[in-house]
Each structure stands twice: as structure tokens, then as C-alpha cells.
Protein backbone atom coordinates (compact mmCIF):
# COMPACT_ATOMS: atom_id res chain seq x y z
CA UNK A 1 9.43 32.10 -10.85
CA UNK A 2 6.49 29.68 -10.91
CA UNK A 3 4.73 31.82 -13.52
CA UNK A 4 7.40 30.92 -16.09
CA UNK A 5 7.15 27.12 -15.65
CA UNK A 6 5.76 25.31 -18.71
CA UNK A 7 7.11 21.80 -18.18
CA UNK A 8 7.27 19.63 -15.06
CA UNK A 9 9.61 16.62 -15.26
CA UNK A 10 9.30 13.75 -12.77
CA UNK A 11 11.57 10.98 -11.62
CA UNK A 12 9.70 7.69 -11.05
CA UNK A 13 11.07 5.47 -8.27
CA UNK A 14 10.82 7.05 -4.85
CA UNK A 15 9.06 10.09 -6.30
CA UNK A 16 5.79 8.91 -7.85
CA UNK A 17 6.09 5.15 -7.49
CA UNK A 18 7.00 2.90 -4.57
CA UNK A 19 8.57 -0.11 -6.27
CA UNK A 20 11.03 -0.88 -3.50
CA UNK A 21 9.43 -4.19 -2.53
CA UNK A 22 9.60 -5.36 -6.16
CA UNK A 23 13.22 -4.24 -6.47
CA UNK A 24 14.24 -5.99 -3.23
CA UNK A 25 12.49 -9.23 -4.27
CA UNK A 26 14.12 -9.23 -7.72
CA UNK A 27 17.51 -8.32 -6.29
CA UNK A 28 17.54 -11.13 -3.74
CA UNK A 29 16.11 -13.63 -6.22
CA UNK A 30 19.13 -12.80 -8.40
CA UNK A 31 21.48 -13.26 -5.45
CA UNK A 32 19.90 -16.62 -4.69
CA UNK A 33 20.25 -17.81 -8.29
CA UNK A 34 23.93 -16.85 -8.25
CA UNK A 35 24.44 -18.60 -4.88
CA UNK A 36 25.26 -15.30 -3.18
CA UNK A 37 24.04 -14.13 0.23
CA UNK A 38 20.86 -12.09 0.50
CA UNK A 39 21.17 -8.36 1.06
CA UNK A 40 19.08 -6.35 3.53
CA UNK A 41 16.21 -4.29 2.20
CA UNK A 42 17.54 -1.00 3.56
CA UNK A 43 20.92 -1.54 1.87
CA UNK A 44 19.18 -2.27 -1.44
CA UNK A 45 16.87 0.73 -1.08
CA UNK A 46 19.84 3.04 -0.54
CA UNK A 47 21.44 1.71 -3.75
CA UNK A 48 18.37 2.34 -5.94
CA UNK A 49 18.26 5.19 -8.41
CA UNK A 50 21.32 4.63 -10.59
CA UNK A 51 19.82 2.03 -12.94
CA UNK A 52 19.69 -1.75 -12.48
CA UNK A 53 23.26 -2.47 -13.64
CA UNK A 54 24.65 -0.03 -11.10
CA UNK A 55 22.31 -1.48 -8.47
CA UNK A 56 23.69 -4.98 -8.90
CA UNK A 57 27.34 -4.28 -9.79
CA UNK A 58 28.75 -3.63 -6.27
CA UNK A 59 27.46 -6.97 -4.98
CA UNK A 60 28.79 -9.21 -7.75
CA UNK A 61 31.91 -10.53 -9.36
CA UNK A 62 32.21 -8.42 -12.56
CA UNK A 63 32.14 -11.55 -14.74
CA UNK A 64 28.66 -12.38 -13.41
CA UNK A 65 27.05 -9.00 -14.13
CA UNK A 66 25.60 -9.87 -17.56
CA UNK A 67 24.07 -13.07 -16.25
CA UNK A 68 22.73 -11.25 -13.19
CA UNK A 69 21.07 -8.58 -15.33
CA UNK A 70 19.25 -11.24 -17.38
CA UNK A 71 18.02 -12.99 -14.22
CA UNK A 72 17.05 -9.73 -12.52
CA UNK A 73 15.13 -8.30 -15.47
CA UNK A 74 13.26 -11.52 -16.19
CA UNK A 75 12.08 -11.66 -12.58
CA UNK A 76 11.50 -7.94 -12.28
CA UNK A 77 8.99 -7.56 -15.11
CA UNK A 78 6.68 -9.84 -13.09
CA UNK A 79 7.58 -8.50 -9.64
CA UNK A 80 6.76 -4.96 -10.74
CA UNK A 81 3.18 -5.95 -11.49
CA UNK A 82 2.75 -7.57 -8.07
CA UNK A 83 4.63 -5.27 -5.75
CA UNK A 84 4.57 -1.69 -7.07
CA UNK A 85 2.18 1.00 -5.94
CA UNK A 86 1.72 4.73 -6.22
CA UNK A 87 2.55 7.05 -3.40
CA UNK A 88 -0.59 8.73 -2.02
CA UNK A 89 -2.23 11.47 -4.12
CA UNK A 90 0.00 10.97 -7.19
CA UNK A 91 -2.88 10.83 -9.68
CA UNK A 92 -4.53 13.85 -8.10
CA UNK A 93 -1.33 15.86 -8.41
CA UNK A 94 -0.67 14.83 -12.02
CA UNK A 95 -4.29 15.47 -12.98
CA UNK A 96 -4.19 18.90 -11.37
CA UNK A 97 -0.97 19.87 -13.19
CA UNK A 98 -2.31 18.57 -16.49
CA UNK A 99 -5.48 20.56 -15.95
CA UNK A 100 -3.44 23.70 -15.34
CA UNK A 101 -1.85 23.27 -18.77
CA UNK A 102 1.62 22.08 -17.76
CA UNK A 103 3.46 19.67 -20.04
CA UNK A 104 4.55 16.59 -18.05
CA UNK A 105 7.52 14.32 -18.68
CA UNK A 106 9.45 11.49 -17.01
CA UNK A 107 13.24 11.37 -16.54
CA UNK A 108 14.26 8.07 -14.97
CA UNK A 109 17.49 6.09 -14.75
CA UNK A 110 15.35 2.95 -15.06
CA UNK A 111 15.47 1.20 -18.45
CA UNK A 112 12.63 2.23 -20.78
CA UNK A 113 11.00 -1.21 -20.82
CA UNK A 114 10.47 -1.27 -17.07
CA UNK A 115 9.47 2.38 -16.80
CA UNK A 116 6.73 1.78 -19.37
CA UNK A 117 5.59 -1.38 -17.55
CA UNK A 118 5.19 0.69 -14.39
CA UNK A 119 3.48 3.62 -16.07
CA UNK A 120 0.95 1.42 -17.86
CA UNK A 121 0.30 -0.91 -14.93
CA UNK A 122 -0.32 1.98 -12.54
CA UNK A 123 -2.29 3.90 -15.20
CA UNK A 124 0.03 6.91 -15.23
CA UNK A 125 0.95 6.82 -18.91
CA UNK A 126 -2.01 9.01 -19.91
CA UNK A 127 -0.61 11.93 -17.90
CA UNK A 128 2.77 12.16 -19.60
CA UNK A 129 3.69 13.86 -22.85
CA UNK A 130 7.16 12.33 -23.01
CA UNK A 131 9.20 9.62 -21.26
CA UNK A 132 13.01 9.46 -21.41
CA UNK A 133 15.01 6.82 -19.56
CA UNK A 134 18.58 5.94 -18.72
CA UNK A 135 19.08 3.47 -21.56
CA UNK A 136 18.31 6.19 -24.12
CA UNK A 137 21.06 8.58 -23.02
CA UNK A 138 24.84 8.22 -22.91
CA UNK A 139 25.08 9.27 -19.27
CA UNK A 140 22.41 8.83 -16.62
CA UNK A 141 21.72 11.15 -13.71
CA UNK A 142 23.49 12.92 -12.03
CA UNK A 143 24.68 13.95 -15.50
CA UNK A 144 22.21 16.54 -16.89
CA UNK A 145 21.89 14.95 -20.36
CA UNK A 146 18.47 13.43 -19.70
CA UNK A 147 17.01 16.77 -18.59
CA UNK A 148 18.69 18.67 -21.41
CA UNK A 149 17.23 16.28 -23.99
CA UNK A 150 13.73 16.67 -22.58
CA UNK A 151 14.04 20.46 -22.66
CA UNK A 152 15.20 20.25 -26.28
CA UNK A 153 12.20 18.03 -27.09
CA UNK A 154 9.85 20.79 -25.93
CA UNK A 155 12.03 23.69 -27.14
CA UNK A 156 12.11 25.16 -23.65
CA UNK A 157 14.74 27.00 -21.60
CA UNK A 158 15.83 25.94 -18.08
CA UNK A 159 13.85 28.73 -16.37
CA UNK A 160 10.67 27.23 -17.90
CA UNK A 161 11.23 23.80 -16.35
CA UNK A 162 10.80 22.25 -12.90
CA UNK A 163 12.20 18.84 -12.01
CA UNK A 164 10.75 16.70 -9.22
CA UNK A 165 12.89 13.89 -7.77
CA UNK A 166 13.73 12.07 -4.55
CA UNK A 167 17.52 11.78 -4.53
CA UNK A 168 20.60 13.91 -4.22
CA UNK A 169 21.51 12.84 -7.78
CA UNK A 170 18.23 14.37 -8.98
CA UNK A 171 19.18 17.68 -7.42
CA UNK A 172 22.68 17.42 -8.90
CA UNK A 173 21.34 16.72 -12.40
CA UNK A 174 18.90 19.61 -12.15
CA UNK A 175 21.57 22.03 -10.95
CA UNK A 176 23.86 21.06 -13.83
CA UNK A 177 20.98 21.56 -16.26
CA UNK A 178 20.23 24.91 -14.56
CA UNK A 179 16.71 23.70 -13.77
CA UNK A 180 14.94 24.34 -10.46
CA UNK A 181 14.28 21.16 -8.52
CA UNK A 182 11.93 20.02 -5.78
CA UNK A 183 12.98 16.93 -3.85
CA UNK A 184 10.45 14.77 -2.02
CA UNK A 185 11.78 12.77 0.95
CA UNK A 186 10.03 9.48 0.06
CA UNK A 187 12.98 7.90 -1.76
CA UNK A 188 16.52 6.63 -1.39
CA UNK A 189 18.38 9.73 -0.15
CA UNK A 190 18.37 11.00 3.42
CA UNK A 191 17.20 14.53 4.15
CA UNK A 192 20.77 15.42 5.11
CA UNK A 193 22.05 14.26 1.71
CA UNK A 194 19.31 16.24 -0.03
CA UNK A 195 19.94 19.42 1.97
CA UNK A 196 23.61 19.39 0.92
CA UNK A 197 22.48 19.84 -2.70
CA UNK A 198 20.36 22.92 -1.87
CA UNK A 199 17.34 22.23 -4.09
CA UNK A 200 14.71 24.92 -4.62
CA UNK A 201 12.41 23.15 -2.15
CA UNK A 202 12.28 19.95 -0.08
CA UNK A 203 8.85 18.41 0.56
CA UNK A 204 7.68 15.41 2.57
CA UNK A 205 4.86 14.31 0.25
CA UNK A 206 4.12 14.76 -3.42
CA UNK A 207 0.79 16.46 -2.69
CA UNK A 208 2.72 19.47 -1.35
CA UNK A 209 3.42 20.31 -4.99
CA UNK A 210 -0.12 21.65 -5.18
CA UNK A 211 0.89 24.51 -2.87
CA UNK A 212 3.89 25.38 -5.06
CA UNK A 213 2.79 24.94 -8.67
């Protein structure tokens, strides 16, 4: 199976990048500005992965969502630079895959602007051949559209693609796109939630990819 893989697609948050501190800070800054109670970090972490509008929506009056998004995004573009970091060995893994001739892409539910801020700030942009984010598709993950569009970009079939994520929705999107997926347990989903989706492989750390690909 691995011999047929030409393209490796990565999620960002929880997979390559630990931006949870930045997300929690921006989230609770937004709550404070709207005179709403703070929310615990673990609750926020568990809500990450669906895009920032879906992150904020359950905690707000619907009429306040547009205002909240403006506040959140204004704060977040600065918070990301202060409080985001790579998970260990990410650059080594990406460099190894690039050296082996794999095409590399990003599929994230994050808006493009903030994904690019992260990729440039953490010096990952040089590794990727293509970046596609939730604001550029009609339906975000777990819908398979984002993966299907990336495959179309490279003119590849599902059996030639591997998707690496951290959440059950990543595994769901991959299954619907008929793409094999590896889920790393450094993100927002519990291992139990991930196991229910029956991905190709579950790993604890991103460096374990080097034993598979």
C-alpha cells in the first residue's frame, strides 16, 4: 500500500502545530470583551478543529457571532505569533518526506489567513506544495470536499494519497474521500473517539510516521 502513495496531506492544529494556548487566549479575550464568562481550557481544546466560527458559536447568542469573530480574529493574529509552537520532530518528518519525493499538502478547517500566518511564522511553508483551508471550500471536514479538491489539484487517485490528522473528523473525511488516514493522538479527540473511526493507523507522535512512510 505504501508503495503507491504519492501525496501526503496534513491537518495543522493538533497534528503539526500546537496552537492551543493561542486559541484559548483569543477565545477568552473574546468572551471578556462580550462580557461573558471565561471557558476552561480543556473545554475549548475539545471544541477546536471545526473552524473558528464553529468554535465560538455554541458559547454565544447568535446575534453576537459576527462581532465575536471580528474580535477573535483581530486578537488571534497576534496571539498565534506568541503562543504557537511545533510538536517535536515536525520539521524532521516533513524534510524526510520531501526528500523521499512525496508531494505535501495542508487540509485545515482554519481560515486561510491564519493557516498561512502559522506556516510562515513556524517556517513550515517551504515544505508544502499546496495549502487548502476551510474558507475555500463549501463544506469543511468531516465532509471530504477539501481532500477531494487537493487530489484533483495533483491529478491523483485516493489510493495514492495518505491523510494525517488528529481528530475523529479527520478520519471521517478521509474515509468519505476513500483515502487512508493516520491519526496522531496529540489533538482534540480522545483515543476512544479515534478508534471508533477505524483509521489505517493511530500513532502517539508525528515522528512515528517515519516508520510507516
